[in-house]
Protein backbone atom coordinates (compact mmCIF):
# COMPACT_ATOMS: atom_id res chain seq x y z
CA MET A 1 83.55 203.17 238.53
CA SER A 2 83.06 199.96 240.44
CA ASN A 3 79.71 198.25 239.97
CA SER A 4 79.90 196.62 243.40
CA ASP A 5 77.86 197.65 246.44
CA TYR A 6 80.44 196.76 249.10
CA SER A 7 83.90 195.26 249.54
CA LYS A 8 85.58 192.80 251.88
CA SER A 9 87.02 195.70 253.88
CA ASP A 10 83.51 197.16 254.25
CA LEU A 11 82.30 193.83 255.63
CA VAL A 12 85.24 193.47 258.01
CA GLU A 13 84.73 196.98 259.38
CA ALA A 14 81.01 196.33 259.81
CA LEU A 15 81.66 193.09 261.72
CA LYS A 16 83.96 195.00 264.05
CA GLY A 17 81.38 197.78 264.25
CA ILE A 18 78.72 195.43 265.62
CA GLY A 19 81.05 194.32 268.37
CA LEU A 20 82.64 191.14 267.04
CA LYS A 21 86.25 190.73 268.10
CA ASP A 22 89.17 188.35 268.40
CA GLY A 23 88.29 185.17 270.31
CA ASP A 24 84.51 185.54 270.09
CA LEU A 25 82.09 182.65 269.71
CA VAL A 26 79.62 183.56 266.94
CA PHE A 27 76.64 181.76 265.43
CA ILE A 28 75.68 183.28 262.08
CA HIS A 29 72.71 183.33 259.73
CA ASN A 30 73.27 185.03 256.41
CA SER A 31 71.65 186.06 253.16
CA MET A 32 74.42 187.80 251.25
CA PHE A 33 72.04 188.52 248.36
CA HIS A 34 70.38 191.25 250.43
CA LEU A 35 73.66 193.17 250.74
CA GLY A 36 73.99 193.51 246.98
CA ARG A 37 77.07 192.94 244.86
CA LEU A 38 80.32 192.08 246.64
CA GLU A 39 83.52 193.35 245.06
CA ASN A 40 85.42 190.42 243.47
CA GLY A 41 82.54 188.12 244.31
CA ASN A 42 81.85 186.90 240.80
CA SER A 43 80.51 183.51 241.83
CA ALA A 44 78.75 182.00 244.83
CA LYS A 45 81.99 180.25 245.80
CA GLU A 46 83.97 183.49 245.66
CA VAL A 47 81.38 185.29 247.79
CA SER A 48 81.45 182.44 250.31
CA ARG A 49 85.25 182.53 250.50
CA ILE A 50 85.33 186.28 251.06
CA VAL A 51 82.67 186.10 253.77
CA PHE A 52 84.52 183.20 255.42
CA ASP A 53 87.85 185.04 255.36
CA SER A 54 86.23 188.24 256.64
CA PHE A 55 84.86 186.53 259.73
CA PHE A 56 88.15 184.91 260.65
CA GLU A 57 90.02 188.15 260.04
CA VAL A 58 87.88 189.54 262.86
CA LEU A 59 87.60 186.47 265.11
CA GLY A 60 91.19 185.30 264.70
CA THR A 61 92.49 181.82 265.41
CA ASN A 62 91.03 181.93 268.93
CA GLY A 63 87.54 182.61 267.65
CA THR A 64 84.87 180.03 266.90
CA LEU A 65 82.36 180.37 264.08
CA LEU A 66 79.20 178.27 263.95
CA VAL A 67 77.00 177.97 260.87
CA PRO A 68 73.63 176.20 260.51
CA THR A 69 73.81 173.24 258.12
CA TYR A 70 70.23 172.06 258.58
CA THR A 71 68.93 169.10 256.59
CA TYR A 72 65.54 168.27 258.19
CA SER A 73 66.41 164.65 257.33
CA PHE A 74 64.31 162.86 259.94
CA CYS A 75 61.36 165.17 259.25
CA ASN A 76 61.53 163.98 255.63
CA ASP A 77 61.88 160.28 256.57
CA GLU A 78 65.46 160.31 255.30
CA SER A 79 68.68 158.99 256.79
CA PHE A 80 71.25 161.53 257.93
CA ASP A 81 74.88 161.10 256.90
CA VAL A 82 76.86 163.49 259.11
CA LYS A 83 79.71 163.82 256.61
CA ASN A 84 77.86 163.72 253.31
CA THR A 85 74.26 164.93 253.63
CA PRO A 86 74.32 168.44 252.15
CA SER A 87 72.99 171.46 253.97
CA SER A 88 69.62 172.51 252.61
CA ILE A 89 69.80 176.18 253.59
CA GLY A 90 72.16 177.94 251.26
CA THR A 91 75.44 178.06 249.40
CA PHE A 92 77.54 179.51 252.20
CA THR A 93 76.46 176.86 254.70
CA GLU A 94 77.47 174.09 252.29
CA PHE A 95 80.77 175.85 251.54
CA PHE A 96 81.48 176.19 255.25
CA ARG A 97 80.75 172.59 256.26
CA ASN A 98 83.11 171.34 253.52
CA GLN A 99 86.11 173.25 254.89
CA LYS A 100 88.81 170.87 256.11
CA ASP A 101 88.74 172.17 259.69
CA ALA A 102 84.95 172.09 260.05
CA ILE A 103 83.19 169.63 262.32
CA ARG A 104 79.46 168.96 262.23
CA SER A 105 76.96 167.98 264.89
CA ALA A 106 75.03 164.73 264.47
CA ASP A 107 71.63 166.41 264.77
CA PRO A 108 69.55 164.81 261.96
CA ILE A 109 67.28 167.85 261.68
CA PHE A 110 69.20 170.98 262.73
CA SER A 111 72.88 170.09 262.36
CA VAL A 112 75.42 172.85 262.94
CA SER A 113 78.99 173.06 261.62
CA GLY A 114 81.79 174.85 263.39
CA ILE A 115 85.40 175.91 263.06
CA GLY A 116 87.46 177.08 266.00
CA PRO A 117 88.66 175.89 269.42
CA LYS A 118 85.17 175.66 270.99
CA SER A 119 83.56 173.74 268.13
CA LYS A 120 84.13 170.24 269.50
CA THR A 121 82.84 171.16 272.96
CA ILE A 122 79.67 172.65 271.49
CA LEU A 123 78.92 170.13 268.73
CA SER A 124 79.90 166.77 270.22
CA ASN A 125 77.97 164.39 272.50
CA LEU A 126 74.72 166.30 272.25
CA PRO A 127 71.48 165.23 273.87
CA LYS A 128 68.86 164.07 271.37
CA SER A 129 67.01 167.38 271.50
CA CYS A 130 67.21 170.04 268.79
CA PHE A 131 66.48 172.98 271.12
CA GLY A 132 66.29 171.62 274.66
CA GLU A 133 68.59 171.58 277.66
CA ASP A 134 72.28 171.20 276.70
CA SER A 135 71.50 171.62 272.98
CA VAL A 136 73.85 173.66 270.79
CA TYR A 137 71.82 176.79 271.59
CA ASP A 138 71.97 176.14 275.32
CA ARG A 139 75.71 175.57 275.17
CA ILE A 140 76.49 178.74 273.20
CA THR A 141 74.46 180.73 275.71
CA LYS A 142 76.47 179.35 278.63
CA LEU A 143 79.68 180.08 276.71
CA ASN A 144 78.73 183.74 276.21
CA GLY A 145 78.18 183.38 272.47
CA LYS A 146 76.84 185.95 270.05
CA LEU A 147 74.35 185.75 267.21
CA CYS A 148 75.18 187.51 263.96
CA VAL A 149 72.58 187.94 261.24
CA ILE A 150 73.56 189.22 257.79
CA GLY A 151 71.02 190.66 255.37
CA LEU A 152 68.09 189.41 257.44
CA GLY A 153 66.13 190.44 260.50
CA LEU A 154 66.72 188.95 263.93
CA SER A 155 63.52 186.93 263.53
CA TRP A 156 65.48 184.61 261.20
CA ALA A 157 67.80 183.47 263.99
CA THR A 158 66.81 179.90 264.87
CA TYR A 159 67.92 180.56 268.44
CA ARG A 160 64.38 181.81 268.95
CA HIS A 161 63.10 178.22 269.00
CA TYR A 162 65.39 177.45 271.94
CA VAL A 163 63.71 180.20 273.97
CA GLU A 164 60.25 179.13 272.79
CA GLN A 165 60.86 175.61 274.05
CA LYS A 166 62.29 176.89 277.31
CA MET A 167 59.09 178.93 277.78
CA ASN A 168 56.87 176.11 276.43
CA ILE A 169 54.83 178.42 274.21
CA PRO A 170 51.33 177.13 273.30
CA ALA A 171 51.89 177.43 269.53
CA ARG A 172 54.42 174.58 269.63
CA PHE A 173 54.73 171.10 271.08
CA LEU A 174 57.33 168.35 271.41
CA LYS A 175 57.37 165.78 268.64
CA TYR A 176 59.72 162.82 268.21
CA PHE A 177 61.39 161.79 264.95
CA SER A 178 63.30 158.55 264.41
CA GLY A 179 65.68 157.42 261.71
CA LYS A 180 69.13 156.25 260.74
CA ILE A 181 72.31 158.25 261.36
CA LEU A 182 75.53 157.43 259.51
CA GLU A 183 78.73 158.62 261.18
CA ASP A 184 82.35 157.52 260.93
CA GLY A 185 81.40 154.39 259.00
CA ASN A 186 78.81 153.30 261.55
CA GLU A 187 75.01 153.25 261.41
CA ARG A 188 72.66 153.76 264.34
CA ILE A 189 68.97 154.34 264.92
CA GLU A 190 68.08 157.38 267.03
CA THR A 191 65.01 159.32 268.11
CA TRP A 192 65.25 163.10 268.35
CA GLU A 193 63.02 165.66 270.05
CA TYR A 194 61.92 168.73 268.06
CA PHE A 195 59.64 171.48 269.38
CA VAL A 196 57.41 171.77 266.30
CA ARG A 197 54.58 174.20 265.59
CA HIS A 198 50.92 173.25 265.44
CA LEU A 199 49.70 173.16 261.84
CA ASN A 200 47.51 176.20 262.19
CA GLY A 201 48.15 179.56 260.53
CA ASN A 202 47.95 181.36 263.87
CA CYS A 203 50.89 179.26 265.09
CA SER A 204 53.12 180.02 262.09
CA PRO A 205 56.26 182.08 262.54
CA ASP A 206 55.81 185.35 260.67
CA PRO A 207 59.00 187.42 260.24
CA GLU A 208 57.06 190.64 259.69
CA VAL A 209 55.04 190.19 262.88
CA ILE A 210 58.07 189.09 264.88
CA GLU A 211 60.18 192.03 263.71
CA LYS A 212 57.36 194.40 264.62
CA ASN A 213 57.10 192.85 268.08
CA LEU A 214 60.87 192.95 268.58
CA LYS A 215 60.87 196.63 267.71
CA LYS A 216 58.17 197.26 270.32
CA ALA A 217 60.26 195.32 272.82
CA ASN A 218 63.16 197.73 272.19
CA VAL A 219 65.50 195.05 270.88
CA SER A 220 67.66 197.88 269.53
CA ASN A 221 68.80 198.51 273.10
CA VAL A 222 70.74 195.22 273.07
CA CYS A 223 71.25 194.69 269.33
CA LYS A 224 74.07 196.33 267.35
CA LYS A 225 73.59 197.09 263.65
CA ALA A 226 75.75 198.30 260.78
CA LYS A 227 74.87 199.12 257.20
CA VAL A 228 76.71 197.16 254.51
CA GLY A 229 76.01 197.62 250.83
CA ARG A 230 72.25 197.56 250.26
CA GLY A 231 71.48 195.91 253.58
CA GLU A 232 72.65 195.61 257.14
CA ILE A 233 74.18 193.18 259.59
CA LEU A 234 73.46 192.85 263.28
CA SER A 235 74.69 191.11 266.38
CA ILE A 236 73.27 190.36 269.80
CA ASN A 237 74.62 188.47 272.79
CA CYS A 238 72.76 185.20 273.31
CA THR A 239 72.10 186.04 276.95
CA ASP A 240 70.57 189.39 275.99
CA TYR A 241 68.31 187.80 273.38
CA LEU A 242 67.35 185.04 275.82
CA GLU A 243 66.32 187.51 278.51
CA LEU A 244 64.45 189.75 276.08
CA MET A 245 62.51 186.83 274.59
CA LYS A 246 61.76 185.31 277.99
CA ARG A 247 60.42 188.64 279.21
CA GLU A 248 58.20 189.16 276.18
CA LEU A 249 56.96 185.57 276.00
CA LYS A 250 56.05 185.71 279.67
CA LYS A 251 53.89 188.74 278.91
CA ASP A 252 52.54 187.33 275.65
CA PRO A 253 53.12 183.62 274.81
CA TRP A 254 52.10 184.40 271.21
CA PHE A 255 54.79 187.08 270.82
CA SER A 256 56.90 185.06 268.35
CA VAL A 257 54.17 183.74 266.04
CA ARG A 258 51.55 185.18 263.74
CA GLY A 259 48.61 184.91 266.15
CA PRO A 260 46.12 185.94 267.30
CA PRO A 261 45.92 183.52 270.26
CA ILE A 262 43.68 180.49 269.84
CA ASN A 263 42.82 177.50 271.97
CA ILE A 264 44.88 174.49 270.94
CA GLU A 265 43.06 171.22 271.60
């Protein structure tokens, strides 16, 4: 008897089951741990390779896959080397950005890596704003992209911050970070805009609260889910998530944070 919880074929069928298909543009967040043991995934590298291959089996050569490779470099008063600064958010993200066909955005806080025909259009010549107009998140919305979250709730999708900035929620404000970026053998000093939260517990993102609020907002009407192993995966069109979040934040600007509402001086 196999001691695994799911196989590559299970994952591929689940990705198709949540509506991913050949030629799609997909931005993913993943925590494979929550799905349990992957058949033939005896190391972190093997798991990453199987997940990588599964996505491109579904998306094909015409599909584009984007993966967060965040470093928070400028927030930590560190330089950002586009090619060499490692991702700080997990094994798969580091595996992905080191693939020979991957390109990476020069965002010194929230860099994103991509593979596929739309990667260069999305990740190059960005404005110096992590979540503002014409950012990666704005571009994937205009290109009819999808979000895919594996082993986590939708609240973990960073796309939420793009909508929060668009709606200028009171729990966050624009802050500017400067530092050195190293790219293609050249150094430059840049200043980037990041819509940060106020350092108050009420303003903190709280996945449990957000998931509860999303459930009340009937996110299931626009979100597709499939069970895999011990967990589940989900997908949602960026435009659907944008409209849902805009609607709810217009009703309650504290919808996406812990709350309750407070006056921010």
